[in-house]
PDB file of N, CA and C in Angstrom:
ATOM      1  N   MET A   1     -10.795  36.161 -15.129  1.00  0.00           N
ATOM      2  CA  MET A   1     -10.290  35.208 -14.156  1.00  0.00           C
ATOM      3  C   MET A   1      -8.764  35.246 -14.205  1.00  0.00           C
ATOM      4  N   SER A   2      -8.116  35.290 -13.057  1.00  0.00           N
ATOM      5  CA  SER A   2      -6.668  35.356 -12.998  1.00  0.00           C
ATOM      6  C   SER A   2      -6.072  33.954 -13.154  1.00  0.00           C
ATOM      7  N   ASP A   3      -4.778  33.878 -13.354  1.00  0.00           N
ATOM      8  CA  ASP A   3      -4.089  32.604 -13.525  1.00  0.00           C
ATOM      9  C   ASP A   3      -4.122  31.753 -12.265  1.00  0.00           C
ATOM     10  N   THR A   4      -4.211  32.370 -11.105  1.00  0.00           N
ATOM     11  CA  THR A   4      -4.217  31.598  -9.857  1.00  0.00           C
ATOM     12  C   THR A   4      -5.548  30.902  -9.622  1.00  0.00           C
ATOM     13  N   GLU A   5      -6.630  31.396 -10.231  1.00  0.00           N
ATOM     14  CA  GLU A   5      -7.946  30.799 -10.058  1.00  0.00           C
ATOM     15  C   GLU A   5      -8.261  29.742 -11.109  1.00  0.00           C
ATOM     16  N   SER A   6      -7.508  29.686 -12.187  1.00  0.00           N
ATOM     17  CA  SER A   6      -7.802  28.734 -13.259  1.00  0.00           C
ATOM     18  C   SER A   6      -7.179  27.380 -12.947  1.00  0.00           C
ATOM     19  N   LYS A   7      -7.821  26.325 -13.467  1.00  0.00           N
ATOM     20  CA  LYS A   7      -7.318  24.958 -13.302  1.00  0.00           C
ATOM     21  C   LYS A   7      -7.062  24.362 -14.671  1.00  0.00           C
ATOM     22  N   LEU A   8      -5.917  23.761 -14.859  1.00  0.00           N
ATOM     23  CA  LEU A   8      -5.580  23.107 -16.100  1.00  0.00           C
ATOM     24  C   LEU A   8      -6.405  21.832 -16.225  1.00  0.00           C
ATOM     25  N   VAL A   9      -7.083  21.635 -17.344  1.00  0.00           N
ATOM     26  CA  VAL A   9      -7.923  20.464 -17.558  1.00  0.00           C
ATOM     27  C   VAL A   9      -7.236  19.453 -18.467  1.00  0.00           C
ATOM     28  N   TYR A  10      -6.541  19.903 -19.490  1.00  0.00           N
ATOM     29  CA  TYR A  10      -5.853  18.993 -20.388  1.00  0.00           C
ATOM     30  C   TYR A  10      -4.615  19.682 -20.928  1.00  0.00           C
ATOM     31  N   SER A  11      -3.563  18.936 -21.024  1.00  0.00           N
ATOM     32  CA  SER A  11      -2.333  19.461 -21.576  1.00  0.00           C
ATOM     33  C   SER A  11      -1.738  18.408 -22.495  1.00  0.00           C
ATOM     34  N   THR A  12      -1.263  18.810 -23.658  1.00  0.00           N
ATOM     35  CA  THR A  12      -0.681  17.842 -24.587  1.00  0.00           C
ATOM     36  C   THR A  12       0.654  17.322 -24.071  1.00  0.00           C
ATOM     37  N   SER A  13       1.279  18.048 -23.173  1.00  0.00           N
ATOM     38  CA  SER A  13       2.568  17.589 -22.666  1.00  0.00           C
ATOM     39  C   SER A  13       2.409  16.490 -21.613  1.00  0.00           C
ATOM     40  N   SER A  14       1.323  16.519 -20.845  1.00  0.00           N
ATOM     41  CA  SER A  14       1.169  15.520 -19.798  1.00  0.00           C
ATOM     42  C   SER A  14      -0.119  14.716 -19.911  1.00  0.00           C
ATOM     43  N   GLY A  15      -0.988  14.995 -20.847  1.00  0.00           N
ATOM     44  CA  GLY A  15      -2.238  14.254 -21.000  1.00  0.00           C
ATOM     45  C   GLY A  15      -3.323  14.778 -20.083  1.00  0.00           C
ATOM     46  N   SER A  16      -4.266  13.927 -19.725  1.00  0.00           N
ATOM     47  CA  SER A  16      -5.395  14.328 -18.879  1.00  0.00           C
ATOM     48  C   SER A  16      -4.928  14.663 -17.472  1.00  0.00           C
ATOM     49  N   ILE A  17      -5.621  15.589 -16.856  1.00  0.00           N
ATOM     50  CA  ILE A  17      -5.305  16.047 -15.512  1.00  0.00           C
ATOM     51  C   ILE A  17      -6.396  15.563 -14.561  1.00  0.00           C
ATOM     52  N   CYS A  18      -6.005  15.068 -13.399  1.00  0.00           N
ATOM     53  CA  CYS A  18      -6.946  14.618 -12.382  1.00  0.00           C
ATOM     54  C   CYS A  18      -7.649  15.830 -11.778  1.00  0.00           C
ATOM     55  N   PRO A  19      -8.981  15.828 -11.713  1.00  0.00           N
ATOM     56  CA  PRO A  19      -9.675  16.980 -11.142  1.00  0.00           C
ATOM     57  C   PRO A  19      -9.489  17.110  -9.628  1.00  0.00           C
ATOM     58  N   GLY A  20      -9.132  16.036  -8.960  1.00  0.00           N
ATOM     59  CA  GLY A  20      -8.976  16.081  -7.511  1.00  0.00           C
ATOM     60  C   GLY A  20      -7.670  16.701  -7.058  1.00  0.00           C
ATOM     61  N   CYS A  21      -6.558  16.242  -7.640  1.00  0.00           N
ATOM     62  CA  CYS A  21      -5.253  16.718  -7.169  1.00  0.00           C
ATOM     63  C   CYS A  21      -4.526  17.599  -8.187  1.00  0.00           C
ATOM     64  N   SER A  22      -5.111  17.812  -9.366  1.00  0.00           N
ATOM     65  CA  SER A  22      -4.548  18.661 -10.421  1.00  0.00           C
ATOM     66  C   SER A  22      -3.187  18.187 -10.904  1.00  0.00           C
ATOM     67  N   ARG A  23      -2.971  16.895 -10.868  1.00  0.00           N
ATOM     68  CA  ARG A  23      -1.731  16.317 -11.394  1.00  0.00           C
ATOM     69  C   ARG A  23      -2.077  15.479 -12.617  1.00  0.00           C
ATOM     70  N   PRO A  24      -1.095  15.153 -13.454  1.00  0.00           N
ATOM     71  CA  PRO A  24      -1.381  14.260 -14.582  1.00  0.00           C
ATOM     72  C   PRO A  24      -1.944  12.925 -14.073  1.00  0.00           C
ATOM     73  N   LYS A  25      -2.896  12.346 -14.815  1.00  0.00           N
ATOM     74  CA  LYS A  25      -3.576  11.126 -14.354  1.00  0.00           C
ATOM     75  C   LYS A  25      -2.599  10.001 -14.036  1.00  0.00           C
ATOM     76  N   LYS A  26      -1.507   9.886 -14.795  1.00  0.00           N
ATOM     77  CA  LYS A  26      -0.566   8.802 -14.516  1.00  0.00           C
ATOM     78  C   LYS A  26       0.207   9.028 -13.215  1.00  0.00           C
ATOM     79  N   ASN A  27       0.246  10.260 -12.707  1.00  0.00           N
ATOM     80  CA  ASN A  27       0.909  10.572 -11.444  1.00  0.00           C
ATOM     81  C   ASN A  27      -0.092  11.004 -10.362  1.00  0.00           C
ATOM     82  N   CYS A  28      -1.334  10.616 -10.511  1.00  0.00           N
ATOM     83  CA  CYS A  28      -2.403  11.038  -9.605  1.00  0.00           C
ATOM     84  C   CYS A  28      -2.162  10.516  -8.186  1.00  0.00           C
ATOM     85  N   LEU A  29      -2.404  11.373  -7.208  1.00  0.00           N
ATOM     86  CA  LEU A  29      -2.234  11.013  -5.800  1.00  0.00           C
ATOM     87  C   LEU A  29      -3.548  10.612  -5.135  1.00  0.00           C
ATOM     88  N   CYS A  30      -4.661  10.852  -5.782  1.00  0.00           N
ATOM     89  CA  CYS A  30      -5.972  10.608  -5.168  1.00  0.00           C
ATOM     90  C   CYS A  30      -6.156   9.149  -4.772  1.00  0.00           C
ATOM     91  N   ARG A  31      -5.768   8.234  -5.636  1.00  0.00           N
ATOM     92  CA  ARG A  31      -5.933   6.812  -5.342  1.00  0.00           C
ATOM     93  C   ARG A  31      -5.123   6.404  -4.117  1.00  0.00           C
ATOM     94  N   GLU A  32      -3.897   6.882  -4.031  1.00  0.00           N
ATOM     95  CA  GLU A  32      -3.042   6.563  -2.887  1.00  0.00           C
ATOM     96  C   GLU A  32      -3.596   7.169  -1.596  1.00  0.00           C
ATOM     97  N   LEU A  33      -4.107   8.395  -1.676  1.00  0.00           N
ATOM     98  CA  LEU A  33      -4.681   9.026  -0.495  1.00  0.00           C
ATOM     99  C   LEU A  33      -5.926   8.293  -0.028  1.00  0.00           C
ATOM    100  N   LYS A  34      -6.727   7.804  -0.970  1.00  0.00           N
ATOM    101  CA  LYS A  34      -7.936   7.060  -0.615  1.00  0.00           C
ATOM    102  C   LYS A  34      -7.580   5.747   0.064  1.00  0.00           C
ATOM    103  N   LYS A  35      -6.521   5.081  -0.419  1.00  0.00           N
ATOM    104  CA  LYS A  35      -6.092   3.825   0.198  1.00  0.00           C
ATOM    105  C   LYS A  35      -5.601   4.042   1.628  1.00  0.00           C
ATOM    106  N   ALA A  36      -4.901   5.156   1.851  1.00  0.00           N
ATOM    107  CA  ALA A  36      -4.309   5.417   3.162  1.00  0.00           C
ATOM    108  C   ALA A  36      -5.325   5.957   4.170  1.00  0.00           C
ATOM    109  N   ALA A  37      -6.432   6.503   3.687  1.00  0.00           N
ATOM    110  CA  ALA A  37      -7.419   7.091   4.595  1.00  0.00           C
ATOM    111  C   ALA A  37      -8.137   6.015   5.387  1.00  0.00           C
ATOM    112  N   LEU A  38      -8.399   6.320   6.630  1.00  0.00           N
ATOM    113  CA  LEU A  38      -9.133   5.399   7.488  1.00  0.00           C
ATOM    114  C   LEU A  38     -10.627   5.626   7.314  1.00  0.00           C
ATOM    115  N   PRO A  39     -11.419   4.570   7.368  1.00  0.00           N
ATOM    116  CA  PRO A  39     -12.859   4.753   7.296  1.00  0.00           C
ATOM    117  C   PRO A  39     -13.374   5.378   8.598  1.00  0.00           C
ATOM    118  N   GLU A  40     -14.615   5.776   8.591  1.00  0.00           N
ATOM    119  CA  GLU A  40     -15.221   6.323   9.803  1.00  0.00           C
ATOM    120  C   GLU A  40     -15.228   5.248  10.880  1.00  0.00           C
ATOM    121  N   ALA A  41     -14.544   5.515  11.957  1.00  0.00           N
ATOM    122  CA  ALA A  41     -14.450   4.537  13.033  1.00  0.00           C
ATOM    123  C   ALA A  41     -15.696   4.608  13.899  1.00  0.00           C
ATOM    124  N   GLY A  42     -16.195   3.466  14.215  1.00  0.00           N
ATOM    125  CA  GLY A  42     -17.356   3.371  15.076  1.00  0.00           C
ATOM    126  C   GLY A  42     -17.304   2.035  15.780  1.00  0.00           C
ATOM    127  N   LYS A  43     -18.426   1.582  16.211  1.00  0.00           N
ATOM    128  CA  LYS A  43     -18.495   0.277  16.839  1.00  0.00           C
ATOM    129  C   LYS A  43     -18.432  -0.781  15.744  1.00  0.00           C
ATOM    130  N   PRO A  44     -17.558  -1.754  15.874  1.00  0.00           N
ATOM    131  CA  PRO A  44     -17.482  -2.809  14.861  1.00  0.00           C
ATOM    132  C   PRO A  44     -18.805  -3.567  14.766  1.00  0.00           C
ATOM    133  N   ASP A  45     -19.191  -3.864  13.539  1.00  0.00           N
ATOM    134  CA  ASP A  45     -20.434  -4.563  13.265  1.00  0.00           C
ATOM    135  C   ASP A  45     -20.096  -5.945  12.714  1.00  0.00           C
ATOM    136  N   ILE A  46     -20.667  -6.990  13.328  1.00  0.00           N
ATOM    137  CA  ILE A  46     -20.441  -8.368  12.893  1.00  0.00           C
ATOM    138  C   ILE A  46     -21.793  -8.925  12.472  1.00  0.00           C
ATOM    139  N   ARG A  47     -21.906  -9.344  11.209  1.00  0.00           N
ATOM    140  CA  ARG A  47     -23.173  -9.906  10.745  1.00  0.00           C
ATOM    141  C   ARG A  47     -22.933 -11.065   9.787  1.00  0.00           C
ATOM    142  N   PHE A  48     -23.977 -11.863   9.592  1.00  0.00           N
ATOM    143  CA  PHE A  48     -23.923 -13.035   8.734  1.00  0.00           C
ATOM    144  C   PHE A  48     -24.843 -12.806   7.546  1.00  0.00           C
ATOM    145  N   GLU A  49     -24.329 -13.023   6.326  1.00  0.00           N
ATOM    146  CA  GLU A  49     -25.118 -12.813   5.105  1.00  0.00           C
ATOM    147  C   GLU A  49     -25.007 -14.006   4.186  1.00  0.00           C
ATOM    148  N   THR A  50     -26.109 -14.272   3.476  1.00  0.00           N
ATOM    149  CA  THR A  50     -26.091 -15.305   2.434  1.00  0.00           C
ATOM    150  C   THR A  50     -26.550 -14.747   1.105  1.00  0.00           C
ATOM    151  N   SER A  51     -27.100 -13.538   1.089  1.00  0.00           N
ATOM    152  CA  SER A  51     -27.662 -12.985  -0.136  1.00  0.00           C
ATOM    153  C   SER A  51     -26.588 -12.729  -1.185  1.00  0.00           C
ATOM    154  N   GLY A  52     -26.874 -13.141  -2.414  1.00  0.00           N
ATOM    155  CA  GLY A  52     -25.954 -12.922  -3.528  1.00  0.00           C
ATOM    156  C   GLY A  52     -24.769 -13.850  -3.545  1.00  0.00           C
ATOM    157  N   ARG A  53     -24.812 -14.921  -2.760  1.00  0.00           N
ATOM    158  CA  ARG A  53     -23.669 -15.835  -2.683  1.00  0.00           C
ATOM    159  C   ARG A  53     -24.090 -17.280  -2.921  1.00  0.00           C
ATOM    160  N   LYS A  54     -25.180 -17.468  -3.640  1.00  0.00           N
ATOM    161  CA  LYS A  54     -25.684 -18.801  -3.989  1.00  0.00           C
ATOM    162  C   LYS A  54     -25.901 -19.668  -2.754  1.00  0.00           C
ATOM    163  N   GLY A  55     -26.413 -19.065  -1.681  1.00  0.00           N
ATOM    164  CA  GLY A  55     -26.717 -19.808  -0.469  1.00  0.00           C
ATOM    165  C   GLY A  55     -25.551 -20.010   0.474  1.00  0.00           C
ATOM    166  N   LYS A  56     -24.371 -19.667   0.061  1.00  0.00           N
ATOM    167  CA  LYS A  56     -23.198 -19.804   0.934  1.00  0.00           C
ATOM    168  C   LYS A  56     -23.124 -18.581   1.843  1.00  0.00           C
ATOM    169  N   GLY A  57     -22.950 -18.812   3.114  1.00  0.00           N
ATOM    170  CA  GLY A  57     -22.932 -17.708   4.063  1.00  0.00           C
ATOM    171  C   GLY A  57     -21.536 -17.206   4.355  1.00  0.00           C
ATOM    172  N   VAL A  58     -21.457 -15.913   4.633  1.00  0.00           N
ATOM    173  CA  VAL A  58     -20.202 -15.291   5.055  1.00  0.00           C
ATOM    174  C   VAL A  58     -20.462 -14.388   6.252  1.00  0.00           C
ATOM    175  N   THR A  59     -19.472 -14.276   7.103  1.00  0.00           N
ATOM    176  CA  THR A  59     -19.511 -13.362   8.229  1.00  0.00           C
ATOM    177  C   THR A  59     -18.819 -12.081   7.798  1.00  0.00           C
ATOM    178  N   LEU A  60     -19.494 -10.945   7.963  1.00  0.00           N
ATOM    179  CA  LEU A  60     -18.947  -9.647   7.570  1.00  0.00           C
ATOM    180  C   LEU A  60     -18.609  -8.838   8.810  1.00  0.00           C
ATOM    181  N   ILE A  61     -17.415  -8.242   8.808  1.00  0.00           N
ATOM    182  CA  ILE A  61     -16.962  -7.392   9.907  1.00  0.00           C
ATOM    183  C   ILE A  61     -16.696  -6.012   9.331  1.00  0.00           C
ATOM    184  N   THR A  62     -17.431  -5.013   9.794  1.00  0.00           N
ATOM    185  CA  THR A  62     -17.255  -3.640   9.314  1.00  0.00           C
ATOM    186  C   THR A  62     -17.080  -2.709  10.510  1.00  0.00           C
ATOM    187  N   GLY A  63     -16.621  -1.496  10.231  1.00  0.00           N
ATOM    188  CA  GLY A  63     -16.516  -0.475  11.268  1.00  0.00           C
ATOM    189  C   GLY A  63     -15.260  -0.524  12.110  1.00  0.00           C
ATOM    190  N   LEU A  64     -14.247  -1.271  11.671  1.00  0.00           N
ATOM    191  CA  LEU A  64     -12.994  -1.312  12.434  1.00  0.00           C
ATOM    192  C   LEU A  64     -12.130  -0.103  12.080  1.00  0.00           C
ATOM    193  N   PRO A  65     -11.514   0.547  13.051  1.00  0.00           N
ATOM    194  CA  PRO A  65     -10.701   1.737  12.783  1.00  0.00           C
ATOM    195  C   PRO A  65      -9.290   1.369  12.325  1.00  0.00           C
ATOM    196  N   LEU A  66      -9.187   0.640  11.219  1.00  0.00           N
ATOM    197  CA  LEU A  66      -7.892   0.179  10.711  1.00  0.00           C
ATOM    198  C   LEU A  66      -7.724   0.586   9.258  1.00  0.00           C
ATOM    199  N   SER A  67      -6.478   0.742   8.836  1.00  0.00           N
ATOM    200  CA  SER A  67      -6.185   0.991   7.434  1.00  0.00           C
ATOM    201  C   SER A  67      -6.343  -0.317   6.664  1.00  0.00           C
ATOM    202  N   GLN A  68      -6.215  -0.240   5.353  1.00  0.00           N
ATOM    203  CA  GLN A  68      -6.351  -1.439   4.515  1.00  0.00           C
ATOM    204  C   GLN A  68      -5.312  -2.496   4.912  1.00  0.00           C
ATOM    205  N   GLU A  69      -4.079  -2.077   5.203  1.00  0.00           N
ATOM    206  CA  GLU A  69      -3.036  -3.016   5.600  1.00  0.00           C
ATOM    207  C   GLU A  69      -3.356  -3.654   6.950  1.00  0.00           C
ATOM    208  N   GLY A  70      -3.887  -2.858   7.870  1.00  0.00           N
ATOM    209  CA  GLY A  70      -4.280  -3.374   9.168  1.00  0.00           C
ATOM    210  C   GLY A  70      -5.400  -4.397   9.062  1.00  0.00           C
ATOM    211  N   LEU A  71      -6.356  -4.124   8.169  1.00  0.00           N
ATOM    212  CA  LEU A  71      -7.453  -5.071   7.951  1.00  0.00           C
ATOM    213  C   LEU A  71      -6.940  -6.372   7.347  1.00  0.00           C
ATOM    214  N   LEU A  72      -5.985  -6.271   6.430  1.00  0.00           N
ATOM    215  CA  LEU A  72      -5.410  -7.481   5.834  1.00  0.00           C
ATOM    216  C   LEU A  72      -4.710  -8.331   6.892  1.00  0.00           C
ATOM    217  N   ALA A  73      -3.976  -7.683   7.783  1.00  0.00           N
ATOM    218  CA  ALA A  73      -3.274  -8.413   8.847  1.00  0.00           C
ATOM    219  C   ALA A  73      -4.266  -9.063   9.807  1.00  0.00           C
ATOM    220  N   LEU A  74      -5.308  -8.325  10.204  1.00  0.00           N
ATOM    221  CA  LEU A  74      -6.319  -8.880  11.099  1.00  0.00           C
ATOM    222  C   LEU A  74      -7.070 -10.024  10.429  1.00  0.00           C
ATOM    223  N   SER A  75      -7.382  -9.858   9.159  1.00  0.00           N
ATOM    224  CA  SER A  75      -8.078 -10.910   8.415  1.00  0.00           C
ATOM    225  C   SER A  75      -7.245 -12.179   8.365  1.00  0.00           C
ATOM    226  N   LYS A  76      -5.960 -12.026   8.110  1.00  0.00           N
ATOM    227  CA  LYS A  76      -5.075 -13.189   8.058  1.00  0.00           C
ATOM    228  C   LYS A  76      -5.032 -13.904   9.410  1.00  0.00           C
ATOM    229  N   LYS A  77      -4.982 -13.119  10.474  1.00  0.00           N
ATOM    230  CA  LYS A  77      -4.951 -13.694  11.824  1.00  0.00           C
ATOM    231  C   LYS A  77      -6.247 -14.457  12.124  1.00  0.00           C
ATOM    232  N   LEU A  78      -7.390 -13.838  11.816  1.00  0.00           N
ATOM    233  CA  LEU A  78      -8.678 -14.481  12.081  1.00  0.00           C
ATOM    234  C   LEU A  78      -8.863 -15.739  11.230  1.00  0.00           C
ATOM    235  N   LYS A  79      -8.472 -15.674   9.965  1.00  0.00           N
ATOM    236  CA  LYS A  79      -8.624 -16.836   9.083  1.00  0.00           C
ATOM    237  C   LYS A  79      -7.791 -18.012   9.564  1.00  0.00           C
ATOM    238  N   SER A  80      -6.573 -17.747  10.002  1.00  0.00           N
ATOM    239  CA  SER A  80      -5.734 -18.851  10.491  1.00  0.00           C
ATOM    240  C   SER A  80      -6.233 -19.369  11.833  1.00  0.00           C
ATOM    241  N   GLN A  81      -6.761 -18.484  12.673  1.00  0.00           N
ATOM    242  CA  GLN A  81      -7.282 -18.882  13.977  1.00  0.00           C
ATOM    243  C   GLN A  81      -8.545 -19.730  13.833  1.00  0.00           C
ATOM    244  N   PHE A  82      -9.416 -19.389  12.870  1.00  0.00           N
ATOM    245  CA  PHE A  82     -10.670 -20.108  12.695  1.00  0.00           C
ATOM    246  C   PHE A  82     -10.569 -21.254  11.689  1.00  0.00           C
ATOM    247  N   GLY A  83      -9.496 -21.309  10.924  1.00  0.00           N
ATOM    248  CA  GLY A  83      -9.345 -22.348   9.914  1.00  0.00           C
ATOM    249  C   GLY A  83     -10.337 -22.200   8.773  1.00  0.00           C
ATOM    250  N   THR A  84     -10.491 -20.978   8.291  1.00  0.00           N
ATOM    251  CA  THR A  84     -11.455 -20.706   7.234  1.00  0.00           C
ATOM    252  C   THR A  84     -10.853 -19.753   6.213  1.00  0.00           C
ATOM    253  N   GLY A  85     -11.539 -19.561   5.118  1.00  0.00           N
ATOM    254  CA  GLY A  85     -11.096 -18.630   4.085  1.00  0.00           C
ATOM    255  C   GLY A  85     -11.781 -17.302   4.254  1.00  0.00           C
ATOM    256  N   GLY A  86     -11.403 -16.357   3.422  1.00  0.00           N
ATOM    257  CA  GLY A  86     -12.027 -15.050   3.484  1.00  0.00           C
ATOM    258  C   GLY A  86     -11.277 -14.037   2.648  1.00  0.00           C
ATOM    259  N   ALA A  87     -11.719 -12.781   2.745  1.00  0.00           N
ATOM    260  CA  ALA A  87     -11.123 -11.709   1.960  1.00  0.00           C
ATOM    261  C   ALA A  87     -11.395 -10.376   2.649  1.00  0.00           C
ATOM    262  N   VAL A  88     -10.704  -9.332   2.163  1.00  0.00           N
ATOM    263  CA  VAL A  88     -10.954  -7.971   2.605  1.00  0.00           C
ATOM    264  C   VAL A  88     -11.402  -7.188   1.380  1.00  0.00           C
ATOM    265  N   LYS A  89     -12.606  -6.607   1.453  1.00  0.00           N
ATOM    266  CA  LYS A  89     -13.155  -5.831   0.341  1.00  0.00           C
ATOM    267  C   LYS A  89     -13.701  -4.520   0.876  1.00  0.00           C
ATOM    268  N   GLU A  90     -13.132  -3.407   0.414  1.00  0.00           N
ATOM    269  CA  GLU A  90     -13.601  -2.070   0.764  1.00  0.00           C
ATOM    270  C   GLU A  90     -13.818  -1.886   2.272  1.00  0.00           C
ATOM    271  N   TYR A  91     -12.788  -2.092   3.058  1.00  0.00           N
ATOM    272  CA  TYR A  91     -12.808  -1.918   4.517  1.00  0.00           C
ATOM    273  C   TYR A  91     -13.799  -2.852   5.214  1.00  0.00           C
ATOM    274  N   THR A  92     -14.085  -4.001   4.595  1.00  0.00           N
ATOM    275  CA  THR A  92     -14.943  -5.026   5.183  1.00  0.00           C
ATOM    276  C   THR A  92     -14.198  -6.346   5.146  1.00  0.00           C
ATOM    277  N   ILE A  93     -14.134  -7.021   6.273  1.00  0.00           N
ATOM    278  CA  ILE A  93     -13.529  -8.349   6.323  1.00  0.00           C
ATOM    279  C   ILE A  93     -14.638  -9.366   6.108  1.00  0.00           C
ATOM    280  N   GLU A  94     -14.436 -10.273   5.159  1.00  0.00           N
ATOM    281  CA  GLU A  94     -15.386 -11.345   4.893  1.00  0.00           C
ATOM    282  C   GLU A  94     -14.736 -12.665   5.290  1.00  0.00           C
ATOM    283  N   LEU A  95     -15.424 -13.426   6.146  1.00  0.00           N
ATOM    284  CA  LEU A  95     -14.952 -14.751   6.553  1.00  0.00           C
ATOM    285  C   LEU A  95     -15.980 -15.778   6.114  1.00  0.00           C
ATOM    286  N   GLN A  96     -15.526 -16.868   5.534  1.00  0.00           N
ATOM    287  CA  GLN A  96     -16.446 -17.894   5.068  1.00  0.00           C
ATOM    288  C   GLN A  96     -17.118 -18.591   6.242  1.00  0.00           C
ATOM    289  N   GLY A  97     -18.415 -18.832   6.109  1.00  0.00           N
ATOM    290  CA  GLY A  97     -19.164 -19.546   7.130  1.00  0.00           C
ATOM    291  C   GLY A  97     -19.676 -18.632   8.228  1.00  0.00           C
ATOM    292  N   ASP A  98     -20.390 -19.229   9.165  1.00  0.00           N
ATOM    293  CA  ASP A  98     -20.950 -18.488  10.291  1.00  0.00           C
ATOM    294  C   ASP A  98     -19.924 -18.460  11.424  1.00  0.00           C
ATOM    295  N   GLN A  99     -19.168 -17.389  11.511  1.00  0.00           N
ATOM    296  CA  GLN A  99     -18.096 -17.233  12.493  1.00  0.00           C
ATOM    297  C   GLN A  99     -18.406 -16.118  13.483  1.00  0.00           C
ATOM    298  N   ARG A 100     -19.679 -15.772  13.656  1.00  0.00           N
ATOM    299  CA  ARG A 100     -20.037 -14.610  14.483  1.00  0.00           C
ATOM    300  C   ARG A 100     -19.566 -14.737  15.924  1.00  0.00           C
ATOM    301  N   ASP A 101     -19.821 -15.880  16.559  1.00  0.00           N
ATOM    302  CA  ASP A 101     -19.440 -16.027  17.966  1.00  0.00           C
ATOM    303  C   ASP A 101     -17.928 -15.993  18.151  1.00  0.00           C
ATOM    304  N   LYS A 102     -17.214 -16.725  17.297  1.00  0.00           N
ATOM    305  CA  LYS A 102     -15.746 -16.746  17.381  1.00  0.00           C
ATOM    306  C   LYS A 102     -15.167 -15.357  17.116  1.00  0.00           C
ATOM    307  N   THR A 103     -15.741 -14.666  16.132  1.00  0.00           N
ATOM    308  CA  THR A 103     -15.257 -13.332  15.780  1.00  0.00           C
ATOM    309  C   THR A 103     -15.488 -12.358  16.922  1.00  0.00           C
ATOM    310  N   PHE A 104     -16.647 -12.428  17.538  1.00  0.00           N
ATOM    311  CA  PHE A 104     -16.953 -11.548  18.667  1.00  0.00           C
ATOM    312  C   PHE A 104     -15.938 -11.755  19.787  1.00  0.00           C
ATOM    313  N   GLN A 105     -15.656 -13.011  20.120  1.00  0.00           N
ATOM    314  CA  GLN A 105     -14.692 -13.311  21.187  1.00  0.00           C
ATOM    315  C   GLN A 105     -13.286 -12.842  20.809  1.00  0.00           C
ATOM    316  N   ALA A 106     -12.893 -13.066  19.547  1.00  0.00           N
ATOM    317  CA  ALA A 106     -11.554 -12.666  19.105  1.00  0.00           C
ATOM    318  C   ALA A 106     -11.397 -11.154  19.128  1.00  0.00           C
ATOM    319  N   LEU A 107     -12.399 -10.417  18.634  1.00  0.00           N
ATOM    320  CA  LEU A 107     -12.315  -8.955  18.627  1.00  0.00           C
ATOM    321  C   LEU A 107     -12.351  -8.386  20.046  1.00  0.00           C
ATOM    322  N   ARG A 108     -13.071  -9.048  20.916  1.00  0.00           N
ATOM    323  CA  ARG A 108     -13.105  -8.614  22.332  1.00  0.00           C
ATOM    324  C   ARG A 108     -11.717  -8.799  22.955  1.00  0.00           C
ATOM    325  N   SER A 109     -11.080  -9.952  22.689  1.00  0.00           N
ATOM    326  CA  SER A 109      -9.759 -10.199  23.280  1.00  0.00           C
ATOM    327  C   SER A 109      -8.693  -9.270  22.697  1.00  0.00           C
ATOM    328  N   LEU A 110      -8.892  -8.811  21.463  1.00  0.00           N
ATOM    329  CA  LEU A 110      -7.940  -7.882  20.853  1.00  0.00           C
ATOM    330  C   LEU A 110      -8.220  -6.422  21.231  1.00  0.00           C
ATOM    331  N   GLY A 111      -9.329  -6.172  21.926  1.00  0.00           N
ATOM    332  CA  GLY A 111      -9.617  -4.835  22.404  1.00  0.00           C
ATOM    333  C   GLY A 111     -10.471  -3.981  21.483  1.00  0.00           C
ATOM    334  N   TYR A 112     -11.045  -4.550  20.427  1.00  0.00           N
ATOM    335  CA  TYR A 112     -11.896  -3.786  19.520  1.00  0.00           C
ATOM    336  C   TYR A 112     -13.330  -3.684  20.034  1.00  0.00           C
ATOM    337  N   LEU A 113     -13.736  -4.593  20.902  1.00  0.00           N
ATOM    338  CA  LEU A 113     -15.078  -4.584  21.496  1.00  0.00           C
ATOM    339  C   LEU A 113     -14.945  -4.550  23.003  1.00  0.00           C
ATOM    340  N   LYS A 114     -15.950  -3.981  23.675  1.00  0.00           N
ATOM    341  CA  LYS A 114     -15.946  -3.931  25.135  1.00  0.00           C
ATOM    342  C   LYS A 114     -16.805  -5.016  25.693  1.00  0.00           C
TER     343      LYS A 114
END
């Protein structure tokens, strides 16, 4: 095997090497690239769930073609508009309570739904 085909796995000078980007783990770019990548864009899905939340319901919004920062901004706007709490987890916006109708109208007015 030639030197161009080999991959460095561990080096005492830089420590462990990331298998994805071949850089030292402390300087790994994979995490940053994953954060910046957009999820698969499709039709936004709005649903209401109570499972795993001790009976408390949340409205989940998935499938929006936005980056993590865009989702945070949209979440903040929706939370202030509806007067409710919520969070953004793994490209999913969670809003406390049953906000399906309000969310549908808000996303339609913002141009995410037809």
